Structures are given as C-alpha cells and as structure tokens.
C-alpha atoms as a PDB file:
ATOM      1  CA  TYR A   1      15.716  14.564  11.268  1.00  0.00           C
ATOM      2  CA  ASP A   2      18.331  13.262  13.701  1.00  0.00           C
ATOM      3  CA  THR A   3      20.824  16.151  13.550  1.00  0.00           C
ATOM      4  CA  ALA A   4      19.306  18.565  16.087  1.00  0.00           C
ATOM      5  CA  PRO A   5      21.398  19.478  19.158  1.00  0.00           C
ATOM      6  CA  GLU A   6      21.141  16.865  21.872  1.00  0.00           C
ATOM      7  CA  ALA A   7      19.550  19.271  24.356  1.00  0.00           C
ATOM      8  CA  PHE A   8      16.591  19.688  22.036  1.00  0.00           C
ATOM      9  CA  LYS A   9      16.402  16.043  21.017  1.00  0.00           C
ATOM     10  CA  ALA A  10      16.045  15.192  24.699  1.00  0.00           C
ATOM     11  CA  LEU A  11      12.789  17.166  24.837  1.00  0.00           C
ATOM     12  CA  TYR A  12      10.859  14.654  22.758  1.00  0.00           C
ATOM     13  CA  ASN A  13      10.223  10.977  23.378  1.00  0.00           C
ATOM     14  CA  PRO A  14       8.926   9.332  20.194  1.00  0.00           C
ATOM     15  CA  ASP A  15       6.699   7.009  22.216  1.00  0.00           C
ATOM     16  CA  ASP A  16       4.823   9.985  23.682  1.00  0.00           C
ATOM     17  CA  LEU A  17       3.963  11.627  20.369  1.00  0.00           C
ATOM     18  CA  VAL A  18       0.450  11.517  18.928  1.00  0.00           C
ATOM     19  CA  LEU A  19       0.357  10.980  15.177  1.00  0.00           C
ATOM     20  CA  ARG A  20      -2.092  12.479  12.718  1.00  0.00           C
ATOM     21  CA  PRO A  21      -4.962  10.148  11.775  1.00  0.00           C
ATOM     22  CA  ASN A  22      -3.695   9.911   8.175  1.00  0.00           C
ATOM     23  CA  VAL A  23      -0.470   8.142   9.198  1.00  0.00           C
ATOM     24  CA  PRO A  24      -0.780   4.443   8.207  1.00  0.00           C
ATOM     25  CA  ASP A  25      -0.054   1.869  10.890  1.00  0.00           C
ATOM     26  CA  ASP A  26       2.839   0.345   8.930  1.00  0.00           C
ATOM     27  CA  VAL A  27       4.886   3.570   9.172  1.00  0.00           C
ATOM     28  CA  ALA A  28       3.697   4.753  12.593  1.00  0.00           C
ATOM     29  CA  GLU A  29       6.776   3.686  14.544  1.00  0.00           C
ATOM     30  CA  GLN A  30       9.144   5.300  12.058  1.00  0.00           C
ATOM     31  CA  ALA A  31       6.923   8.384  11.833  1.00  0.00           C
ATOM     32  CA  ARG A  32       7.270   8.941  15.580  1.00  0.00           C
ATOM     33  CA  GLU A  33      11.044   8.906  15.215  1.00  0.00           C
ATOM     34  CA  TRP A  34      10.872  11.393  12.352  1.00  0.00           C
ATOM     35  CA  LEU A  35       8.457  13.594  14.276  1.00  0.00           C
ATOM     36  CA  ALA A  36      10.614  13.639  17.405  1.00  0.00           C
ATOM     37  CA  GLY A  37      13.575  14.820  15.351  1.00  0.00           C
ATOM     38  CA  TYR A  38      11.435  17.346  13.505  1.00  0.00           C
ATOM     39  CA  TYR A  39      10.114  18.796  16.763  1.00  0.00           C
ATOM     40  CA  ALA A  40      13.655  18.954  18.135  1.00  0.00           C
ATOM     41  CA  HIS A  41      14.739  21.009  15.132  1.00  0.00           C
ATOM     42  CA  CYS A  42      11.668  23.244  15.524  1.00  0.00           C
ATOM     43  CA  SER A  43      12.574  23.873  19.164  1.00  0.00           C
ATOM     44  CA  ALA A  44      16.198  24.611  18.273  1.00  0.00           C
ATOM     45  CA  LEU A  45      15.085  27.037  15.585  1.00  0.00           C
ATOM     46  CA  ASP A  46      12.620  28.637  17.995  1.00  0.00           C
ATOM     47  CA  ALA A  47      15.447  29.267  20.468  1.00  0.00           C
ATOM     48  CA  CYS A  48      17.634  30.819  17.751  1.00  0.00           C
ATOM     49  CA  PHE A  49      14.802  32.957  16.441  1.00  0.00           C
ATOM     50  CA  GLY A  50      14.114  34.065  19.994  1.00  0.00           C
ATOM     51  CA  ARG A  51      17.654  35.422  20.194  1.00  0.00           C
ATOM     52  CA  LEU A  52      17.005  37.532  17.093  1.00  0.00           C
ATOM     53  CA  VAL A  53      13.784  38.890  18.551  1.00  0.00           C
ATOM     54  CA  GLN A  54      15.528  39.673  21.831  1.00  0.00           C
ATOM     55  CA  ALA A  55      18.257  41.542  19.950  1.00  0.00           C
ATOM     56  CA  ILE A  56      15.616  43.683  18.235  1.00  0.00           C
ATOM     57  CA  ASP A  57      14.111  44.378  21.642  1.00  0.00           C
ATOM     58  CA  ARG A  58      17.470  45.355  23.163  1.00  0.00           C
ATOM     59  CA  ALA A  59      18.135  47.680  20.243  1.00  0.00           C
ATOM     60  CA  GLY A  60      14.905  49.542  20.982  1.00  0.00           C
ATOM     61  CA  ILE A  61      13.527  49.120  17.458  1.00  0.00           C
ATOM     62  CA  VAL A  62      10.646  46.705  18.070  1.00  0.00           C
ATOM     63  CA  LYS A  63       7.917  49.155  17.073  1.00  0.00           C
ATOM     64  CA  ASP A  64       9.497  50.015  13.724  1.00  0.00           C
ATOM     65  CA  THR A  65      10.740  46.556  12.707  1.00  0.00           C
ATOM     66  CA  VAL A  66       8.825  44.138  10.496  1.00  0.00           C
ATOM     67  CA  VAL A  67       9.503  40.571  11.655  1.00  0.00           C
ATOM     68  CA  ILE A  68       8.391  37.636   9.506  1.00  0.00           C
ATOM     69  CA  PHE A  69       8.740  33.969  10.330  1.00  0.00           C
ATOM     70  CA  THR A  70       8.007  31.531   7.521  1.00  0.00           C
ATOM     71  CA  SER A  71       9.376  28.478   5.708  1.00  0.00           C
ATOM     72  CA  ASP A  72       9.705  27.096   2.199  1.00  0.00           C
ATOM     73  CA  HIS A  73       7.766  23.838   2.611  1.00  0.00           C
ATOM     74  CA  GLY A  74       6.444  21.307   5.064  1.00  0.00           C
ATOM     75  CA  ASP A  75       7.157  17.589   5.307  1.00  0.00           C
ATOM     76  CA  MET A  76       4.764  14.657   5.324  1.00  0.00           C
ATOM     77  CA  LEU A  77       6.318  12.942   8.369  1.00  0.00           C
ATOM     78  CA  GLY A  78       4.396   9.731   7.808  1.00  0.00           C
ATOM     79  CA  SER A  79       1.076  11.207   6.712  1.00  0.00           C
ATOM     80  CA  MET A  80      -0.265   9.350   3.676  1.00  0.00           C
ATOM     81  CA  GLY A  81       2.696   6.999   4.153  1.00  0.00           C
ATOM     82  CA  ALA A  82       5.132   9.621   2.824  1.00  0.00           C
ATOM     83  CA  ARG A  83       8.111  11.239   4.535  1.00  0.00           C
ATOM     84  CA  ASN A  84       9.223  14.415   2.806  1.00  0.00           C
ATOM     85  CA  LYS A  85       8.027  17.318   0.653  1.00  0.00           C
ATOM     86  CA  GLN A  86       6.840  17.831  -2.949  1.00  0.00           C
ATOM     87  CA  ARG A  87       3.391  16.313  -2.323  1.00  0.00           C
ATOM     88  CA  PRO A  88       0.133  18.264  -2.778  1.00  0.00           C
ATOM     89  CA  TRP A  89      -1.205  17.454   0.692  1.00  0.00           C
ATOM     90  CA  ASP A  90      -1.405  20.048   3.463  1.00  0.00           C
ATOM     91  CA  GLU A  91       1.440  18.588   5.500  1.00  0.00           C
ATOM     92  CA  SER A  92       3.763  19.387   2.585  1.00  0.00           C
ATOM     93  CA  ILE A  93       2.346  22.633   1.181  1.00  0.00           C
ATOM     94  CA  LEU A  94       1.358  24.576   4.307  1.00  0.00           C
ATOM     95  CA  VAL A  95       3.997  26.657   6.078  1.00  0.00           C
ATOM     96  CA  PRO A  96       4.006  29.098   8.999  1.00  0.00           C
ATOM     97  CA  MET A  97       3.473  32.749   8.156  1.00  0.00           C
ATOM     98  CA  LEU A  98       3.862  35.028  11.167  1.00  0.00           C
ATOM     99  CA  LEU A  99       4.130  38.788  10.750  1.00  0.00           C
ATOM    100  CA  ARG A 100       4.851  41.329  13.478  1.00  0.00           C
ATOM    101  CA  TYR A 101       4.857  45.083  12.894  1.00  0.00           C
ATOM    102  CA  PRO A 102       3.719  46.883  16.063  1.00  0.00           C
ATOM    103  CA  LYS A 103       3.838  50.332  14.478  1.00  0.00           C
ATOM    104  CA  LEU A 104       1.025  49.383  12.111  1.00  0.00           C
ATOM    105  CA  PHE A 105      -0.734  46.420  13.694  1.00  0.00           C
ATOM    106  CA  GLY A 106      -0.155  46.902  17.416  1.00  0.00           C
ATOM    107  CA  ASN A 107       0.568  43.987  19.732  1.00  0.00           C
ATOM    108  CA  LYS A 108      -2.769  42.153  19.712  1.00  0.00           C
ATOM    109  CA  GLU A 109      -2.813  38.716  18.096  1.00  0.00           C
ATOM    110  CA  ARG A 110      -4.784  38.479  14.869  1.00  0.00           C
ATOM    111  CA  LEU A 111      -5.535  35.415  12.750  1.00  0.00           C
ATOM    112  CA  VAL A 112      -5.948  35.805   8.980  1.00  0.00           C
ATOM    113  CA  ASP A 113      -7.334  32.750   7.198  1.00  0.00           C
ATOM    114  CA  THR A 114      -6.932  34.136   3.667  1.00  0.00           C
ATOM    115  CA  PRO A 115      -4.303  32.098   1.774  1.00  0.00           C
ATOM    116  CA  PHE A 116      -1.018  33.958   1.404  1.00  0.00           C
ATOM    117  CA  ASN A 117       1.634  32.651  -0.960  1.00  0.00           C
ATOM    118  CA  THR A 118       5.402  33.127  -1.114  1.00  0.00           C
ATOM    119  CA  PRO A 119       5.415  35.470  -4.176  1.00  0.00           C
ATOM    120  CA  HIS A 120       3.348  37.954  -2.164  1.00  0.00           C
ATOM    121  CA  LEU A 121       6.052  38.447   0.467  1.00  0.00           C
ATOM    122  CA  MET A 122       8.240  40.947  -1.383  1.00  0.00           C
ATOM    123  CA  PRO A 123       5.441  43.185  -2.729  1.00  0.00           C
ATOM    124  CA  THR A 124       3.697  43.140   0.655  1.00  0.00           C
ATOM    125  CA  LEU A 125       6.906  44.193   2.410  1.00  0.00           C
ATOM    126  CA  LEU A 126       7.325  46.997  -0.126  1.00  0.00           C
ATOM    127  CA  GLY A 127       3.752  48.053   0.558  1.00  0.00           C
ATOM    128  CA  LEU A 128       4.313  48.063   4.310  1.00  0.00           C
ATOM    129  CA  ALA A 129       7.396  50.236   3.736  1.00  0.00           C
ATOM    130  CA  GLY A 130       5.430  52.673   1.574  1.00  0.00           C
ATOM    131  CA  LEU A 131       7.387  51.809  -1.561  1.00  0.00           C
ATOM    132  CA  ASP A 132       6.072  51.186  -5.062  1.00  0.00           C
ATOM    133  CA  VAL A 133       5.857  47.619  -6.310  1.00  0.00           C
ATOM    134  CA  PRO A 134       7.554  47.161  -9.718  1.00  0.00           C
ATOM    135  CA  ASP A 135       5.270  46.048 -12.541  1.00  0.00           C
ATOM    136  CA  THR A 136       7.502  43.034 -13.143  1.00  0.00           C
ATOM    137  CA  VAL A 137       6.727  41.541  -9.727  1.00  0.00           C
ATOM    138  CA  GLU A 138       4.584  38.419  -9.937  1.00  0.00           C
ATOM    139  CA  GLY A 139       2.998  38.537  -6.474  1.00  0.00           C
ATOM    140  CA  PHE A 140       0.474  40.938  -4.961  1.00  0.00           C
ATOM    141  CA  ASP A 141       0.750  43.590  -2.270  1.00  0.00           C
ATOM    142  CA  PHE A 142      -1.438  42.428   0.632  1.00  0.00           C
ATOM    143  CA  SER A 143      -0.626  45.428   2.832  1.00  0.00           C
ATOM    144  CA  PRO A 144      -3.904  47.314   2.108  1.00  0.00           C
ATOM    145  CA  PHE A 145      -5.833  44.157   3.025  1.00  0.00           C
ATOM    146  CA  LEU A 146      -3.813  43.713   6.207  1.00  0.00           C
ATOM    147  CA  ARG A 147      -4.491  47.340   7.114  1.00  0.00           C
ATOM    148  CA  GLY A 148      -8.223  46.777   6.611  1.00  0.00           C
ATOM    149  CA  GLU A 149      -8.412  49.029   3.559  1.00  0.00           C
ATOM    150  CA  GLY A 150      -9.855  46.528   1.098  1.00  0.00           C
ATOM    151  CA  PRO A 151     -10.269  42.865   0.137  1.00  0.00           C
ATOM    152  CA  ALA A 152      -7.403  40.473  -0.386  1.00  0.00           C
ATOM    153  CA  PRO A 153      -6.083  40.721  -3.964  1.00  0.00           C
ATOM    154  CA  GLU A 154      -6.225  36.937  -4.262  1.00  0.00           C
ATOM    155  CA  ASP A 155      -8.331  34.333  -2.451  1.00  0.00           C
ATOM    156  CA  SER A 156      -6.396  31.172  -3.278  1.00  0.00           C
ATOM    157  CA  ALA A 157      -2.773  30.077  -3.356  1.00  0.00           C
ATOM    158  CA  LEU A 158      -1.295  28.526  -6.482  1.00  0.00           C
ATOM    159  CA  ILE A 159       0.619  25.359  -5.588  1.00  0.00           C
ATOM    160  CA  GLU A 160       2.754  23.273  -7.906  1.00  0.00           C
ATOM    161  CA  LEU A 161       5.474  20.748  -8.478  1.00  0.00           C
ATOM    162  CA  PRO A 162       6.971  21.663 -11.868  1.00  0.00           C
ATOM    163  CA  ALA A 163       9.380  18.722 -11.948  1.00  0.00           C
ATOM    164  CA  CYS A 164       9.890  15.611  -9.833  1.00  0.00           C
ATOM    165  CA  PHE A 165      13.277  14.920  -8.294  1.00  0.00           C
ATOM    166  CA  HIS A 166      15.042  13.045  -5.513  1.00  0.00           C
ATOM    167  CA  GLN A 167      12.517  12.423  -2.725  1.00  0.00           C
ATOM    168  CA  TYR A 168       9.587  12.294  -5.178  1.00  0.00           C
ATOM    169  CA  ALA A 169      11.491  11.413  -8.346  1.00  0.00           C
ATOM    170  CA  TYR A 170       9.820   9.842 -11.340  1.00  0.00           C
ATOM    171  CA  TYR A 171      11.378   6.473 -10.589  1.00  0.00           C
ATOM    172  CA  ARG A 172       9.768   6.696  -7.126  1.00  0.00           C
ATOM    173  CA  GLY A 173       6.339   7.247  -8.651  1.00  0.00           C
ATOM    174  CA  GLY A 174       6.477  11.050  -8.693  1.00  0.00           C
ATOM    175  CA  LYS A 175       4.348  13.103 -11.034  1.00  0.00           C
ATOM    176  CA  GLU A 176       4.296  16.828 -11.727  1.00  0.00           C
ATOM    177  CA  TRP A 177       1.183  18.688 -10.604  1.00  0.00           C
ATOM    178  CA  ARG A 178      -0.511  22.073 -10.307  1.00  0.00           C
ATOM    179  CA  GLY A 179      -3.212  23.106  -7.875  1.00  0.00           C
ATOM    180  CA  LEU A 180      -5.086  25.652  -5.801  1.00  0.00           C
ATOM    181  CA  ARG A 181      -5.408  25.895  -2.020  1.00  0.00           C
ATOM    182  CA  THR A 182      -8.308  28.090  -0.915  1.00  0.00           C
ATOM    183  CA  SER A 183      -9.261  28.730   2.683  1.00  0.00           C
ATOM    184  CA  ARG A 184     -11.448  25.612   2.461  1.00  0.00           C
ATOM    185  CA  TYR A 185     -10.589  23.474  -0.560  1.00  0.00           C
ATOM    186  CA  THR A 186      -7.559  21.855  -2.165  1.00  0.00           C
ATOM    187  CA  TYR A 187      -7.782  21.125  -5.879  1.00  0.00           C
ATOM    188  CA  VAL A 188      -4.918  19.445  -7.748  1.00  0.00           C
ATOM    189  CA  ILE A 189      -4.438  18.326 -11.337  1.00  0.00           C
ATOM    190  CA  HIS A 190      -1.766  16.230 -13.001  1.00  0.00           C
ATOM    191  CA  ARG A 191      -1.110  16.261 -16.726  1.00  0.00           C
ATOM    192  CA  GLU A 192      -3.892  13.751 -17.374  1.00  0.00           C
ATOM    193  CA  GLY A 193      -6.576  15.775 -15.578  1.00  0.00           C
ATOM    194  CA  PRO A 194      -8.085  16.212 -12.089  1.00  0.00           C
ATOM    195  CA  TRP A 195      -6.220  14.357  -9.371  1.00  0.00           C
ATOM    196  CA  TYR A 196      -7.369  15.494  -5.923  1.00  0.00           C
ATOM    197  CA  LEU A 197     -10.218  17.545  -4.489  1.00  0.00           C
ATOM    198  CA  PHE A 198     -10.479  17.881  -0.716  1.00  0.00           C
ATOM    199  CA  ASP A 199     -12.929  19.742   1.487  1.00  0.00           C
ATOM    200  CA  ASN A 200     -10.484  20.647   4.237  1.00  0.00           C
ATOM    201  CA  ALA A 201     -13.176  21.977   6.564  1.00  0.00           C
ATOM    202  CA  ARG A 202     -15.044  18.667   6.546  1.00  0.00           C
ATOM    203  CA  ASP A 203     -12.015  16.439   5.973  1.00  0.00           C
ATOM    204  CA  PRO A 204      -8.976  18.128   7.592  1.00  0.00           C
ATOM    205  CA  TYR A 205      -6.727  15.095   7.125  1.00  0.00           C
ATOM    206  CA  GLN A 206      -7.587  14.808   3.418  1.00  0.00           C
ATOM    207  CA  LEU A 207      -8.671  11.197   3.557  1.00  0.00           C
ATOM    208  CA  GLU A 208     -11.578  11.519   1.093  1.00  0.00           C
ATOM    209  CA  ASN A 209     -10.760  12.443  -2.492  1.00  0.00           C
ATOM    210  CA  LEU A 210     -13.858  14.095  -3.985  1.00  0.00           C
ATOM    211  CA  VAL A 211     -12.764  13.886  -7.626  1.00  0.00           C
ATOM    212  CA  GLY A 212     -15.497  11.892  -9.344  1.00  0.00           C
ATOM    213  CA  ASP A 213     -18.105  12.629  -6.672  1.00  0.00           C
ATOM    214  CA  PRO A 214     -21.225  13.920  -8.503  1.00  0.00           C
ATOM    215  CA  GLN A 215     -22.061  16.275  -5.628  1.00  0.00           C
ATOM    216  CA  TYR A 216     -18.845  18.195  -6.281  1.00  0.00           C
ATOM    217  CA  THR A 217     -18.935  18.349 -10.085  1.00  0.00           C
ATOM    218  CA  HIS A 218     -19.842  22.047 -10.172  1.00  0.00           C
ATOM    219  CA  LEU A 219     -17.233  23.007  -7.562  1.00  0.00           C
ATOM    220  CA  LEU A 220     -14.555  21.017  -9.371  1.00  0.00           C
ATOM    221  CA  ALA A 221     -15.403  22.782 -12.637  1.00  0.00           C
ATOM    222  CA  GLU A 222     -15.161  26.203 -10.939  1.00  0.00           C
ATOM    223  CA  LEU A 223     -11.821  25.432  -9.324  1.00  0.00           C
ATOM    224  CA  ASP A 224     -10.490  23.908 -12.535  1.00  0.00           C
ATOM    225  CA  ALA A 225     -11.439  27.011 -14.530  1.00  0.00           C
ATOM    226  CA  THR A 226      -9.767  29.261 -11.946  1.00  0.00           C
ATOM    227  CA  LEU A 227      -6.631  27.155 -11.927  1.00  0.00           C
ATOM    228  CA  ARG A 228      -6.373  26.999 -15.737  1.00  0.00           C
ATOM    229  CA  SER A 229      -6.867  30.765 -15.908  1.00  0.00           C
ATOM    230  CA  ARG A 230      -4.091  31.319 -13.375  1.00  0.00           C
ATOM    231  CA  LEU A 231      -1.758  29.026 -15.297  1.00  0.00           C
ATOM    232  CA  ASP A 232      -2.567  30.813 -18.560  1.00  0.00           C
ATOM    233  CA  ALA A 233      -1.871  34.187 -16.930  1.00  0.00           C
ATOM    234  CA  ARG A 234       1.564  32.932 -15.875  1.00  0.00           C
ATOM    235  CA  GLY A 235       2.307  31.465 -19.289  1.00  0.00           C
ATOM    236  CA  ASP A 236       2.482  27.955 -17.850  1.00  0.00           C
ATOM    237  CA  PRO A 237       1.619  25.343 -20.514  1.00  0.00           C
ATOM    238  CA  PHE A 238       2.061  22.552 -17.905  1.00  0.00           C
ATOM    239  CA  ILE A 239       4.618  20.616 -19.897  1.00  0.00           C
ATOM    240  CA  SER A 240       6.336  17.594 -18.420  1.00  0.00           C
ATOM    241  CA  GLY A 241       8.872  18.095 -15.687  1.00  0.00           C
ATOM    242  CA  SER A 242      11.441  16.100 -17.590  1.00  0.00           C
ATOM    243  CA  GLU A 243      11.121  18.545 -20.476  1.00  0.00           C
ATOM    244  CA  LEU A 244      11.567  21.479 -18.080  1.00  0.00           C
ATOM    245  CA  ILE A 245      14.704  19.815 -16.733  1.00  0.00           C
ATOM    246  CA  ARG A 246      15.983  19.310 -20.285  1.00  0.00           C
ATOM    247  CA  GLN A 247      15.261  22.946 -21.222  1.00  0.00           C
ATOM    248  CA  ALA A 248      17.079  24.155 -18.116  1.00  0.00           C
ATOM    249  CA  GLY A 249      20.135  22.130 -19.122  1.00  0.00           C
ATOM    250  CA  TYR A 250      20.427  20.228 -15.853  1.00  0.00           C
ATOM    251  CA  ALA A 251      22.584  17.126 -15.798  1.00  0.00           C
ATOM    252  CA  VAL A 252      20.617  14.006 -14.892  1.00  0.00           C
ATOM    253  CA  ASP A 253      21.583  10.487 -13.912  1.00  0.00           C
ATOM    254  CA  GLU A 254      20.533   7.277 -15.635  1.00  0.00           C
ATOM    255  CA  ARG A 255      17.127   7.473 -13.917  1.00  0.00           C
ATOM    256  CA  GLY A 256      16.465  11.015 -15.145  1.00  0.00           C
ATOM    257  CA  ASP A 257      17.051  12.529 -11.710  1.00  0.00           C
ATOM    258  CA  PRO A 258      18.998  15.845 -11.541  1.00  0.00           C
ATOM    259  CA  VAL A 259      22.560  15.374 -10.303  1.00  0.00           C
ATOM    260  CA  TYR A 260      23.817  17.442  -7.385  1.00  0.00           C
ATOM    261  CA  THR A 261      27.527  18.003  -6.923  1.00  0.00           C
ATOM    262  CA  GLN A 262      29.386  19.357  -3.922  1.00  0.00           C
END
C-alpha cells in the first residue's frame, strides 16, 4: 500500500485514521499504515478517473455514455486481523458499483441495495444498449430492473473462493469456501459444512457468527438450500481447491501454492 504518488500519500496521516471496530488492538498500528496507503491509492485513482469523466464531458457525449466504476475485490486492512483479500467478510467481498447513464437514468442520485454481482455486468450493459444477451452468458440482465420495469432477476450474490493461494494459501490456514450475500445476510460454507452466518443489519462488522444459534436454524436452512441450488445450477461440485489447481495444470511449489513467473 506504500506505492501511491507522494502527493496523495501526504493527504493521510495514519495517526488520524479511525479504524473499524473489528480491527484487533494488536494490529491497529499496522492497520493505520495500511489504511493510509490504501486511501492514498483511492485518491490517486479518483483523480485519474476524474480525468476520464472530464474527457467525456469535453467530448459532448455525457448523455449517451454509460460510465461504470467498480473493482474486483476489497481488502481486509486489519479487520478480523487480516490484511488482504480472499476472505468471506464484507471488507473483502464488497466492491463499489457506480453506474451513470444520463440518457436513461437522468442526473439524480439513486441508491440500489439489491446485490449486484460481477457476472451481471456484461448482460446488463448489453441490455442497456438494446442488444440481445447470448444464452451462454452466466449472469443476468438487470437493465429492466434498473429501468423500473420489473423485479431484480436475482436477490443474492454468489461469493466464493474456489482455491486458496498466496495471501490466503493453505499453509497460511486458508480454506476454500462458497457463500451468499443478500441485502441483509452473509452465509458461507466450507467443505465440512456451514461456516459463517451474519446478520449484517444488526451486526455490520460481522462480529457475531450465528451458525449454531437455535434462533437462526430456519434461516440457515433456507440460505443453505438456496446456495446448494445455485451451486448445482452452475455445475459446481465444490471439490477441493488443490484438486482444481491440479486439474488446471498449474505449477505449484513445495507448499502447494501456485507459482507465478515474470
């Protein structure tokens, strides 16, 4: 996190940053350093993205241009004592999803709390462009929902870590997982069974795991059935990550971690 341009690094003093309540005391000092660097990169990216938006404005094509700002993953940044990605907690799985298309949606801000997952991006863009979505596409077209013409085609996001590597490698205690993130709940399983259940409305920092709580037995069963159905529909037998790595033919080191080469 320490590679942002100096002008942006200067914007953030680690000592001034407020940490999330789920950052343990023993990593708090380091987490502030990580967070300062992370914010510096966010500010640098914001400045660069602003240049793109300004170019669209200068070209006179704002009204007819779809602009999307998103990311591939979050980072833990000290929450739960972890630093990077691959974890099933919100800090890792949630990403920004901003969409601007004045021709269709105008210029008034609108917040949509329905989960929207990465596979839906391409079919939704096709829908916004008035193009057919191929049958082979895995995601759904959310454009009718965004236009107010019907319900969302899906009310939960499938989340997963098919195989553990590097930052969350097996030798670091990593385990493969599958899960669902609804607008309120997070449910995660590992290969031995239920792992996490969080009520994110009541427990936004995911400090209370509800797996095993009798009051949530029915909810857990519902979410588990939905998740297993989604995995079956995708043809996902939830085999071990190491077997997936073997089937893909990746080279691994003596610890079973995939090897990257320059």
